[in-house]
Amino acid sequence: MLAPSLAILRRSAANSSRIVGAARHLTGGAANISVDHYSSGWKIDDIADFTKEGKFHIKTYNKISEQGLKQFPEEQYEIKPSEWDAFNAHAILLRSHKLQESEVDVSVRAIARCGAGTNNVPVVRMTELGIPVFNTPGANANAVKELILCGMLLGSRRVVDGINHMKELGAAGQARERVEKDKAMFGGRELKGKTLAVVGLGHIGASTARDAAALGMDIVGYDPGLSIDSALKLPREITLVDSISSAVANADYISLNIPYIKGSPKEGGTHGIIGNDVISHLKSDAVILNFARGELVDSDAMKSFLDSGDGRYVTDFPDDLCWDHKNAVVLPHLGASTEEAEDQAAAMAANTIRDYIETGAIKNSVNFPETSLPERPANSIRMTVVNKNIPGMLAHITEAFAKADLNIIQQINHSRGDIAYNVLDIDPTSNVGDAICLKDLQRELTTLEGVLSSRVLFDCPGAGYARNIEGSYFI
């Protein structure tokens, strides 16, 4: 059975290729470049009302920070919430909404999540369709880091239990007479001089390690994929080890900062990676801090650990077994819930979308290759082509330009997994005197077997996008 969006596309193939608006012309040197303005999407009946020529349209899910949305210039962009159903979006911006394929219009060029994780986006399917998915790594790093530091204190001093006790005493009118007598019930320990194991040294882990070191803690770190950028942010005194078990063995506190990947550790995933094998190496009074993903921790193994000693578990993810354990502190999912983090994540996502839509550059994509681009040469036209990463595609693409008698000034070809991404700046003056119909060239490019989409980047927002969806051509 066809996916909902593809079924709709097939039913409306004839209408979705209708050209809307008058032909536009670009002048480069002595040549006239004919480019049709077309707006994509199967909701073609509403196109006059909801797709304004000359603007990019951004569909938003969830409440997106106004500070972030201000990154989109009003003269070039229109922001529409998802509730406006009859709407042909050029990009999607979301937070926690679980995106369905049926919500991704044929006109969508890119999707950005205001946050680091992309579990709520069908990334695999978007890759198959040639749509880049972006995230905002590091945007909420400070907010999560501060909560981890708070979690260490909560796990050290039984602060929550003390607050609840004082409320009970207050209700009974005994708070003043018992405030000193009962303090021994909630004794704890200090952070200074203790050992923190940081599992995962990305933006959040590196920041946590640095600030914990400033508090006088000894830092042990583990990250098999440590980047140069993150390594430069680590405290000089950190001890790096080669396994999680080695990291936690002598640690008083363990901070989990790794992504969730479906599958067991034996399958290359991280589901339940903090299980009996790792927990058996913990000190009996260790404090585990999980502000990464709930699924990283095996709840049965964690409950056994909490039952057997004075260890603590502090997390902002629900846990069906440990939620009411006396040695667990389970918070709402507060990691990135600060105004500053939401503003920064939204602004980063918006700027990522702008860079890709306006220039073709790719940064912080979870499924497309990182692509930094030089300025487009004067009097040139930029085209991008997304294709399956299979042998011979680059030759077929450049051959299409050669047939059109167009000179490629500069070209970039990057690949990642099953996807290849091409950016070509072409010289329109090579065919002096004749009008170059980019619409015909784009059709030939996009209908090549293996090509998923193409774009012509020029000063007409919303135009110039074509898709090849299982052999059907959409503009």
Protein backbone atom coordinates (compact mmCIF):
# COMPACT_ATOMS: atom_id res chain seq x y z
CA MET A 1 0.00 0.00 0.00
CA LEU A 2 1.29 3.48 -0.84
CA ALA A 3 2.26 5.84 1.95
CA PRO A 4 -0.45 8.54 2.40
CA SER A 5 1.58 11.35 0.89
CA LEU A 6 2.69 9.30 -2.11
CA ALA A 7 -0.86 8.13 -2.77
CA ILE A 8 -2.05 11.74 -2.81
CA LEU A 9 0.82 12.68 -5.09
CA ARG A 10 -0.03 9.94 -7.57
CA ARG A 11 -3.69 10.97 -7.66
CA SER A 12 -2.82 14.58 -8.35
CA ALA A 13 0.19 14.17 -10.62
CA ALA A 14 -1.51 15.97 -13.49
CA ASN A 15 -2.43 19.00 -11.41
CA SER A 16 0.77 19.30 -9.36
CA SER A 17 2.87 20.07 -12.44
CA ARG A 18 0.74 23.06 -13.43
CA ILE A 19 2.80 26.23 -13.86
CA VAL A 20 1.61 29.13 -11.74
CA GLY A 21 2.44 32.76 -12.51
CA ALA A 22 4.14 34.39 -15.41
CA ALA A 23 7.56 33.46 -16.73
CA ARG A 24 10.47 35.19 -15.08
CA HIS A 25 13.72 36.25 -16.72
CA LEU A 26 17.21 36.48 -15.32
CA THR A 27 19.80 38.44 -17.19
CA GLY A 28 23.38 37.22 -16.93
CA GLY A 29 25.85 38.94 -19.21
CA ALA A 30 24.46 38.96 -22.73
CA ALA A 31 22.12 35.99 -22.33
CA ASN A 32 18.43 35.85 -21.42
CA ILE A 33 17.63 33.05 -19.00
CA SER A 34 14.01 31.93 -19.04
CA VAL A 35 12.81 30.47 -15.74
CA ASP A 36 9.22 29.61 -14.92
CA HIS A 37 7.96 30.46 -11.45
CA TYR A 38 6.22 27.40 -10.13
CA SER A 39 4.98 26.56 -6.64
CA SER A 40 4.89 22.93 -5.65
CA GLY A 41 2.33 20.92 -3.73
CA TRP A 42 -0.74 18.83 -4.25
CA LYS A 43 -3.10 21.35 -2.63
CA ILE A 44 -3.21 23.16 -5.94
CA ASP A 45 -6.79 24.48 -5.60
CA ASP A 46 -5.72 26.72 -2.72
CA ILE A 47 -2.51 27.91 -4.27
CA ALA A 48 -3.70 31.41 -5.06
CA ASP A 49 -4.60 32.01 -1.42
CA PHE A 50 -1.80 30.22 0.36
CA THR A 51 1.31 30.39 -1.83
CA LYS A 52 2.36 33.94 -2.51
CA GLU A 53 4.80 34.38 -5.33
CA GLY A 54 8.13 35.73 -4.17
CA LYS A 55 8.18 34.30 -0.63
CA PHE A 56 9.38 31.13 1.05
CA HIS A 57 6.78 29.44 3.22
CA ILE A 58 7.77 27.86 6.55
CA LYS A 59 5.34 25.48 8.25
CA THR A 60 5.76 25.26 12.03
CA TYR A 61 4.70 22.58 14.48
CA ASN A 62 4.59 23.26 18.22
CA LYS A 63 5.18 26.72 19.64
CA ILE A 64 8.43 28.02 18.14
CA SER A 65 10.33 30.83 19.88
CA GLU A 66 9.50 34.23 18.43
CA GLN A 67 13.16 35.17 18.75
CA GLY A 68 13.99 32.28 16.48
CA LEU A 69 11.30 33.07 13.94
CA LYS A 70 12.61 36.64 13.68
CA GLN A 71 15.59 35.18 11.83
CA PHE A 72 13.30 34.85 8.81
CA PRO A 73 13.04 38.26 7.06
CA GLU A 74 9.39 39.19 6.55
CA GLU A 75 10.02 40.36 3.00
CA GLN A 76 11.25 36.89 2.01
CA TYR A 77 9.42 34.47 4.32
CA GLU A 78 5.93 33.69 5.52
CA ILE A 79 5.51 31.67 8.72
CA LYS A 80 2.38 29.56 8.97
CA PRO A 81 1.40 27.21 11.82
CA SER A 82 0.47 23.65 10.94
CA GLU A 83 -3.18 24.33 11.82
CA TRP A 84 -3.44 26.18 8.49
CA ASP A 85 -3.95 22.93 6.61
CA ALA A 86 -4.27 24.28 3.04
CA PHE A 87 -0.68 25.33 2.71
CA ASN A 88 2.23 24.37 0.48
CA ALA A 89 5.33 24.59 2.65
CA HIS A 90 8.89 24.98 1.43
CA ALA A 91 10.36 23.95 4.79
CA ILE A 92 9.18 22.58 8.14
CA LEU A 93 10.29 23.77 11.57
CA LEU A 94 9.30 21.74 14.63
CA ARG A 95 10.17 20.81 18.20
CA SER A 96 8.57 17.70 19.72
CA HIS A 97 5.78 17.04 17.19
CA LYS A 98 6.00 13.49 15.81
CA LEU A 99 6.12 14.22 12.09
CA GLN A 100 4.30 11.90 9.70
CA GLU A 101 5.20 11.43 6.06
CA SER A 102 1.70 12.52 5.09
CA GLU A 103 2.45 15.94 6.62
CA VAL A 104 5.43 16.54 4.33
CA ASP A 105 4.19 18.29 1.18
CA VAL A 106 5.86 17.54 -2.14
CA SER A 107 7.05 21.16 -2.04
CA VAL A 108 9.11 20.68 1.16
CA ARG A 109 12.83 21.17 0.59
CA ALA A 110 14.06 20.77 4.19
CA ILE A 111 13.05 19.91 7.76
CA ALA A 112 14.68 21.33 10.89
CA ARG A 113 14.13 20.32 14.49
CA CYS A 114 14.75 22.84 17.27
CA GLY A 115 16.78 20.42 19.37
CA ALA A 116 19.47 17.78 19.10
CA GLY A 117 17.44 14.58 18.80
CA THR A 118 15.47 13.72 15.67
CA ASN A 119 13.59 10.62 16.88
CA ASN A 120 10.30 12.38 16.10
CA VAL A 121 11.19 12.79 12.41
CA PRO A 122 11.11 9.87 9.91
CA VAL A 123 14.73 10.48 8.92
CA VAL A 124 15.16 7.25 6.95
CA ARG A 125 12.13 7.97 4.79
CA MET A 126 13.12 11.61 4.29
CA THR A 127 16.53 10.41 3.11
CA GLU A 128 14.86 8.13 0.59
CA LEU A 129 12.88 11.13 -0.67
CA GLY A 130 15.97 13.35 -0.84
CA ILE A 131 14.94 15.76 1.91
CA PRO A 132 17.63 16.95 4.35
CA VAL A 133 16.80 16.86 8.06
CA PHE A 134 18.61 19.34 10.31
CA ASN A 135 19.03 19.58 14.07
CA THR A 136 20.56 22.11 16.46
CA PRO A 137 23.43 20.43 18.33
CA GLY A 138 24.71 22.46 21.23
CA ALA A 139 21.83 24.95 21.27
CA ASN A 140 20.55 23.60 24.59
CA ALA A 141 23.94 22.44 25.92
CA ASN A 142 24.18 25.07 28.65
CA ALA A 143 20.61 24.48 29.85
CA VAL A 144 21.11 20.71 30.11
CA LYS A 145 24.57 21.13 31.67
CA GLU A 146 23.12 23.34 34.40
CA LEU A 147 20.41 20.74 35.12
CA ILE A 148 23.06 18.00 35.35
CA LEU A 149 24.96 20.07 37.93
CA CYS A 150 21.68 20.58 39.78
CA GLY A 151 21.09 16.82 39.58
CA MET A 152 24.42 16.12 41.24
CA LEU A 153 23.36 18.28 44.18
CA LEU A 154 19.93 16.67 44.32
CA GLY A 155 21.58 13.26 44.41
CA SER A 156 24.03 14.29 47.12
CA ARG A 157 21.98 16.08 49.75
CA ARG A 158 18.41 14.63 49.63
CA VAL A 159 17.18 18.17 49.02
CA VAL A 160 13.81 17.01 47.62
CA ASP A 161 13.13 14.80 50.65
CA GLY A 162 14.00 17.71 52.93
CA ILE A 163 11.61 20.05 51.12
CA ASN A 164 8.74 17.56 51.35
CA HIS A 165 9.50 16.94 55.05
CA MET A 166 9.37 20.65 55.85
CA LYS A 167 6.03 20.96 54.08
CA GLU A 168 4.65 18.16 56.26
CA LEU A 169 6.03 19.81 59.41
CA GLY A 170 4.63 23.15 58.32
CA ALA A 171 1.19 21.65 57.83
CA ALA A 172 1.41 20.17 61.33
CA GLY A 173 2.65 23.44 62.85
CA GLN A 174 5.95 21.84 63.91
CA ALA A 175 8.40 23.38 61.45
CA ARG A 176 10.09 25.79 63.89
CA GLU A 177 10.69 23.26 66.66
CA ARG A 178 11.88 20.48 64.32
CA VAL A 179 13.92 22.40 61.71
CA GLU A 180 17.20 21.82 63.58
CA LYS A 181 16.42 18.45 65.12
CA ASP A 182 15.52 16.77 61.82
CA LYS A 183 18.40 18.00 59.68
CA ALA A 184 20.40 14.84 60.44
CA MET A 185 17.80 12.87 58.48
CA PHE A 186 18.99 14.50 55.27
CA GLY A 187 22.77 14.49 55.53
CA GLY A 188 24.85 14.25 52.39
CA ARG A 189 28.24 14.85 50.84
CA GLU A 190 30.03 17.56 48.91
CA LEU A 191 31.03 17.49 45.25
CA LYS A 192 34.56 18.81 45.72
CA GLY A 193 37.15 16.07 45.50
CA LYS A 194 34.70 13.51 44.14
CA THR A 195 35.01 11.77 40.77
CA LEU A 196 32.60 12.42 37.89
CA ALA A 197 32.47 10.02 34.96
CA VAL A 198 31.15 11.68 31.80
CA VAL A 199 29.90 9.15 29.26
CA GLY A 200 29.67 11.00 25.95
CA LEU A 201 31.79 14.10 25.39
CA GLY A 202 29.81 16.08 22.86
CA HIS A 203 28.53 19.62 23.45
CA ILE A 204 26.76 18.78 26.73
CA GLY A 205 29.30 16.28 28.03
CA ALA A 206 32.29 18.52 27.37
CA SER A 207 30.57 21.50 29.01
CA THR A 208 29.61 19.38 32.03
CA ALA A 209 33.17 18.09 32.39
CA ARG A 210 34.62 21.59 32.23
CA ASP A 211 32.29 23.10 34.84
CA ALA A 212 32.50 20.09 37.17
CA ALA A 213 36.29 20.39 37.09
CA ALA A 214 35.91 24.03 38.09
CA LEU A 215 33.99 22.82 41.16
CA GLY A 216 37.02 20.79 42.20
CA MET A 217 35.89 17.40 40.89
CA ASP A 218 38.12 14.79 39.25
CA ILE A 219 36.89 14.00 35.72
CA VAL A 220 36.97 10.68 33.85
CA GLY A 221 35.61 10.64 30.30
CA TYR A 222 34.59 8.10 27.69
CA ASP A 223 33.64 8.79 24.08
CA PRO A 224 34.82 6.59 21.21
CA GLY A 225 33.78 9.25 18.70
CA LEU A 226 35.33 12.27 20.39
CA SER A 227 35.58 15.15 17.91
CA ILE A 228 38.46 17.61 17.78
CA ASP A 229 36.06 20.46 18.53
CA SER A 230 34.79 18.76 21.71
CA ALA A 231 38.29 17.65 22.75
CA LEU A 232 39.44 21.27 22.72
CA LYS A 233 36.68 22.15 25.21
CA LEU A 234 37.64 19.49 27.78
CA PRO A 235 39.44 20.32 31.03
CA ARG A 236 43.16 19.63 30.83
CA GLU A 237 43.02 17.34 33.87
CA ILE A 238 40.50 14.88 32.39
CA THR A 239 41.38 11.18 32.26
CA LEU A 240 40.09 9.46 29.08
CA VAL A 241 39.36 5.73 29.19
CA ASP A 242 38.42 3.13 26.58
CA SER A 243 35.10 1.75 27.89
CA ILE A 244 32.02 2.73 29.87
CA SER A 245 32.82 0.14 32.53
CA SER A 246 36.28 1.63 33.04
CA ALA A 247 34.79 5.13 33.29
CA VAL A 248 32.23 4.27 35.96
CA ALA A 249 34.32 1.85 38.04
CA ASN A 250 35.57 4.37 40.60
CA ALA A 251 33.15 7.23 39.94
CA ASP A 252 31.00 8.88 42.57
CA TYR A 253 28.81 10.43 39.87
CA ILE A 254 28.06 9.27 36.32
CA SER A 255 26.60 11.64 33.73
CA LEU A 256 25.08 10.01 30.63
CA ASN A 257 25.34 12.21 27.54
CA ILE A 258 25.05 9.80 24.63
CA PRO A 259 22.37 9.58 21.91
CA TYR A 260 19.71 6.93 21.82
CA ILE A 261 20.15 4.48 18.96
CA LYS A 262 17.63 1.69 18.47
CA GLY A 263 19.00 -1.78 19.07
CA SER A 264 21.00 -3.40 21.84
CA PRO A 265 24.69 -2.60 22.37
CA LYS A 266 25.53 -5.93 20.68
CA GLU A 267 23.58 -4.72 17.64
CA GLY A 268 25.35 -1.37 17.57
CA GLY A 269 22.56 0.44 19.42
CA THR A 270 22.37 2.06 22.83
CA HIS A 271 19.05 0.70 24.11
CA GLY A 272 19.63 -0.43 27.69
CA ILE A 273 23.37 0.24 27.44
CA ILE A 274 23.40 0.98 31.18
CA GLY A 275 22.45 -2.53 32.19
CA ASN A 276 23.77 -5.18 34.55
CA ASP A 277 27.16 -5.35 32.82
CA VAL A 278 27.85 -1.68 33.50
CA ILE A 279 25.96 -1.33 36.79
CA SER A 280 27.93 -4.22 38.30
CA HIS A 281 31.02 -1.97 38.15
CA LEU A 282 29.40 0.92 40.08
CA LYS A 283 30.26 1.93 43.60
CA SER A 284 27.36 1.13 45.94
CA ASP A 285 26.68 4.82 46.57
CA ALA A 286 27.19 6.11 43.01
CA VAL A 287 24.80 8.72 41.61
CA ILE A 288 23.66 8.14 38.01
CA LEU A 289 22.50 11.25 36.13
CA ASN A 290 20.46 10.60 33.00
CA PHE A 291 19.41 13.74 31.15
CA ALA A 292 20.03 12.16 27.74
CA ARG A 293 17.40 9.48 26.99
CA GLY A 294 15.36 7.25 29.27
CA GLU A 295 15.85 4.20 27.06
CA LEU A 296 19.59 4.20 27.72
CA VAL A 297 18.98 2.71 31.18
CA ASP A 298 17.71 -0.81 31.86
CA SER A 299 15.04 -0.15 34.50
CA ASP A 300 15.20 -3.62 36.05
CA ALA A 301 18.98 -3.37 36.50
CA MET A 302 18.67 0.16 37.89
CA LYS A 303 15.98 -0.85 40.40
CA SER A 304 18.14 -3.72 41.64
CA PHE A 305 21.03 -1.31 42.09
CA LEU A 306 18.90 1.18 44.03
CA ASP A 307 17.47 -1.61 46.20
CA SER A 308 20.88 -3.00 47.11
CA GLY A 309 22.68 0.08 48.45
CA ASP A 310 22.67 3.81 48.82
CA GLY A 311 23.05 4.65 45.14
CA ARG A 312 20.90 7.31 43.52
CA TYR A 313 19.27 7.79 40.11
CA VAL A 314 18.42 11.32 38.92
CA THR A 315 16.67 11.75 35.57
CA ASP A 316 14.19 13.88 33.67
CA PHE A 317 12.67 10.90 31.85
CA PRO A 318 9.80 8.69 33.10
CA ASP A 319 10.68 5.31 34.54
CA ASP A 320 7.93 2.77 35.17
CA LEU A 321 9.90 0.91 37.86
CA CYS A 322 11.91 3.60 39.63
CA TRP A 323 9.58 6.60 39.58
CA ASP A 324 8.63 6.29 43.29
CA HIS A 325 11.83 4.70 44.58
CA LYS A 326 13.21 6.46 47.66
CA ASN A 327 16.64 6.68 45.99
CA ALA A 328 15.37 8.08 42.69
CA VAL A 329 14.66 11.68 41.73
CA VAL A 330 12.49 11.74 38.60
CA LEU A 331 11.83 15.19 37.15
CA PRO A 332 9.72 16.41 34.23
CA HIS A 333 11.70 16.60 30.97
CA LEU A 334 13.27 19.94 31.84
CA GLY A 335 16.65 19.64 30.10
CA ALA A 336 16.11 22.25 27.42
CA SER A 337 13.18 24.06 29.04
CA THR A 338 14.69 27.49 29.41
CA GLU A 339 13.83 30.59 27.42
CA GLU A 340 17.45 30.96 26.40
CA ALA A 341 17.73 27.39 25.09
CA GLU A 342 14.46 27.59 23.16
CA ASP A 343 15.47 30.93 21.62
CA GLN A 344 18.89 29.63 20.63
CA ALA A 345 17.59 26.35 19.21
CA ALA A 346 14.92 28.11 17.15
CA ALA A 347 17.38 30.70 15.86
CA MET A 348 19.91 28.02 14.92
CA ALA A 349 17.24 25.96 13.12
CA ALA A 350 15.95 29.02 11.27
CA ASN A 351 19.41 30.07 10.12
CA THR A 352 20.18 26.51 9.03
CA ILE A 353 17.03 26.48 6.91
CA ARG A 354 17.88 29.89 5.45
CA ASP A 355 21.42 28.83 4.52
CA TYR A 356 20.15 25.75 2.73
CA ILE A 357 17.20 27.34 0.96
CA GLU A 358 18.99 30.52 -0.09
CA THR A 359 22.52 29.29 -0.85
CA GLY A 360 22.44 25.48 -0.88
CA ALA A 361 24.86 25.16 2.05
CA ILE A 362 24.36 22.24 4.46
CA LYS A 363 25.26 22.38 8.14
CA ASN A 364 24.03 20.28 11.06
CA SER A 365 22.16 17.77 8.91
CA VAL A 366 21.63 14.28 10.31
CA ASN A 367 21.25 12.63 6.89
CA PHE A 368 22.98 14.85 4.28
CA PRO A 369 26.70 15.59 3.87
CA GLU A 370 28.14 18.75 5.41
CA THR A 371 28.60 21.19 2.51
CA SER A 372 30.28 24.58 2.86
CA LEU A 373 29.98 26.69 -0.27
CA PRO A 374 31.88 29.62 -1.75
CA GLU A 375 30.03 32.70 -2.90
CA ARG A 376 28.18 32.26 -6.17
CA PRO A 377 30.26 33.92 -8.91
CA ALA A 378 28.84 37.12 -10.41
CA ASN A 379 26.43 36.61 -13.32
CA SER A 380 26.20 32.87 -12.65
CA ILE A 381 23.29 30.61 -11.80
CA ARG A 382 23.42 28.01 -9.02
CA MET A 383 21.70 24.65 -9.34
CA THR A 384 21.64 21.81 -6.84
CA VAL A 385 20.93 18.15 -7.48
CA VAL A 386 20.17 15.47 -4.89
CA ASN A 387 20.64 11.92 -6.09
CA LYS A 388 21.14 8.39 -4.89
CA ASN A 389 24.78 7.67 -4.15
CA ILE A 390 25.33 5.17 -6.96
CA PRO A 391 28.13 4.87 -9.54
CA GLY A 392 27.93 6.99 -12.67
CA MET A 393 25.49 9.63 -11.42
CA LEU A 394 27.92 12.54 -11.53
CA ALA A 395 28.79 11.80 -15.17
CA HIS A 396 25.09 11.72 -16.13
CA ILE A 397 24.47 15.05 -14.37
CA THR A 398 27.37 16.89 -15.99
CA GLU A 399 26.44 15.39 -19.36
CA ALA A 400 23.02 17.09 -19.12
CA PHE A 401 24.74 20.48 -18.76
CA ALA A 402 27.06 19.69 -21.66
CA LYS A 403 24.06 18.90 -23.88
CA ALA A 404 22.63 22.31 -23.01
CA ASP A 405 25.97 23.90 -24.00
CA LEU A 406 26.38 25.34 -20.48
CA ASN A 407 29.76 25.81 -18.86
CA ILE A 408 30.13 24.72 -15.20
CA ILE A 409 32.18 27.39 -13.41
CA GLN A 410 32.51 25.51 -10.13
CA GLN A 411 31.11 22.26 -8.85
CA ILE A 412 30.94 20.50 -5.50
CA ASN A 413 29.95 16.87 -5.01
CA HIS A 414 29.62 15.40 -1.52
CA SER A 415 28.06 12.17 -0.35
CA ARG A 416 26.87 10.58 2.88
CA GLY A 417 25.56 7.05 3.02
CA ASP A 418 22.93 6.59 0.32
CA ILE A 419 22.74 10.29 -0.59
CA ALA A 420 24.89 12.44 -2.89
CA TYR A 421 24.57 16.21 -3.09
CA ASN A 422 25.76 18.34 -6.02
CA VAL A 423 26.07 22.11 -6.25
CA LEU A 424 26.86 23.56 -9.70
CA ASP A 425 27.42 27.20 -10.58
CA ILE A 426 26.88 27.65 -14.31
CA ASP A 427 27.81 30.41 -16.74
CA PRO A 428 24.76 31.52 -18.75
CA THR A 429 26.85 33.57 -21.19
CA SER A 430 28.23 30.51 -22.93
CA ASN A 431 25.17 30.42 -25.17
CA VAL A 432 25.16 34.11 -26.18
CA GLY A 433 22.12 35.28 -28.04
CA ASP A 434 19.88 32.31 -27.28
CA ALA A 435 17.41 32.04 -24.43
CA ILE A 436 18.37 29.21 -22.09
CA CYS A 437 15.31 27.39 -20.80
CA LEU A 438 16.28 26.12 -17.37
CA LYS A 439 12.87 24.51 -17.05
CA ASP A 440 13.74 22.02 -19.80
CA LEU A 441 17.23 21.43 -18.37
CA GLN A 442 15.81 20.90 -14.90
CA ARG A 443 13.27 18.40 -16.20
CA GLU A 444 16.01 16.43 -17.94
CA LEU A 445 18.18 16.49 -14.82
CA THR A 446 15.42 15.56 -12.40
CA THR A 447 14.03 12.72 -14.51
CA LEU A 448 17.43 10.99 -14.68
CA GLU A 449 17.21 7.61 -13.00
CA GLY A 450 18.65 8.01 -9.52
CA VAL A 451 17.99 11.75 -9.19
CA LEU A 452 15.62 12.67 -6.33
CA SER A 453 15.31 16.44 -6.65
CA SER A 454 16.86 19.57 -8.12
CA ARG A 455 16.73 23.29 -7.43
CA VAL A 456 17.50 26.48 -9.31
CA LEU A 457 18.63 29.11 -6.82
CA PHE A 458 17.89 32.62 -7.96
CA ASP A 459 16.14 35.73 -6.66
CA CYS A 460 12.61 34.38 -6.71
CA PRO A 461 11.78 32.66 -3.39
CA GLY A 462 9.59 29.59 -3.69
CA ALA A 463 10.39 28.84 -7.32
CA GLY A 464 12.80 26.47 -9.00
CA TYR A 465 12.23 23.17 -7.18
CA ALA A 466 11.54 19.83 -8.86
CA ARG A 467 11.10 16.31 -7.48
CA ASN A 468 11.38 12.81 -8.88
CA ILE A 469 9.26 10.55 -6.71
CA GLU A 470 9.43 6.95 -7.91
CA GLY A 471 9.51 8.05 -11.54
CA SER A 472 6.87 10.77 -11.31
CA TYR A 473 7.99 14.35 -11.99
CA PHE A 474 6.67 17.17 -9.79
CA ILE A 475 7.37 20.90 -9.99
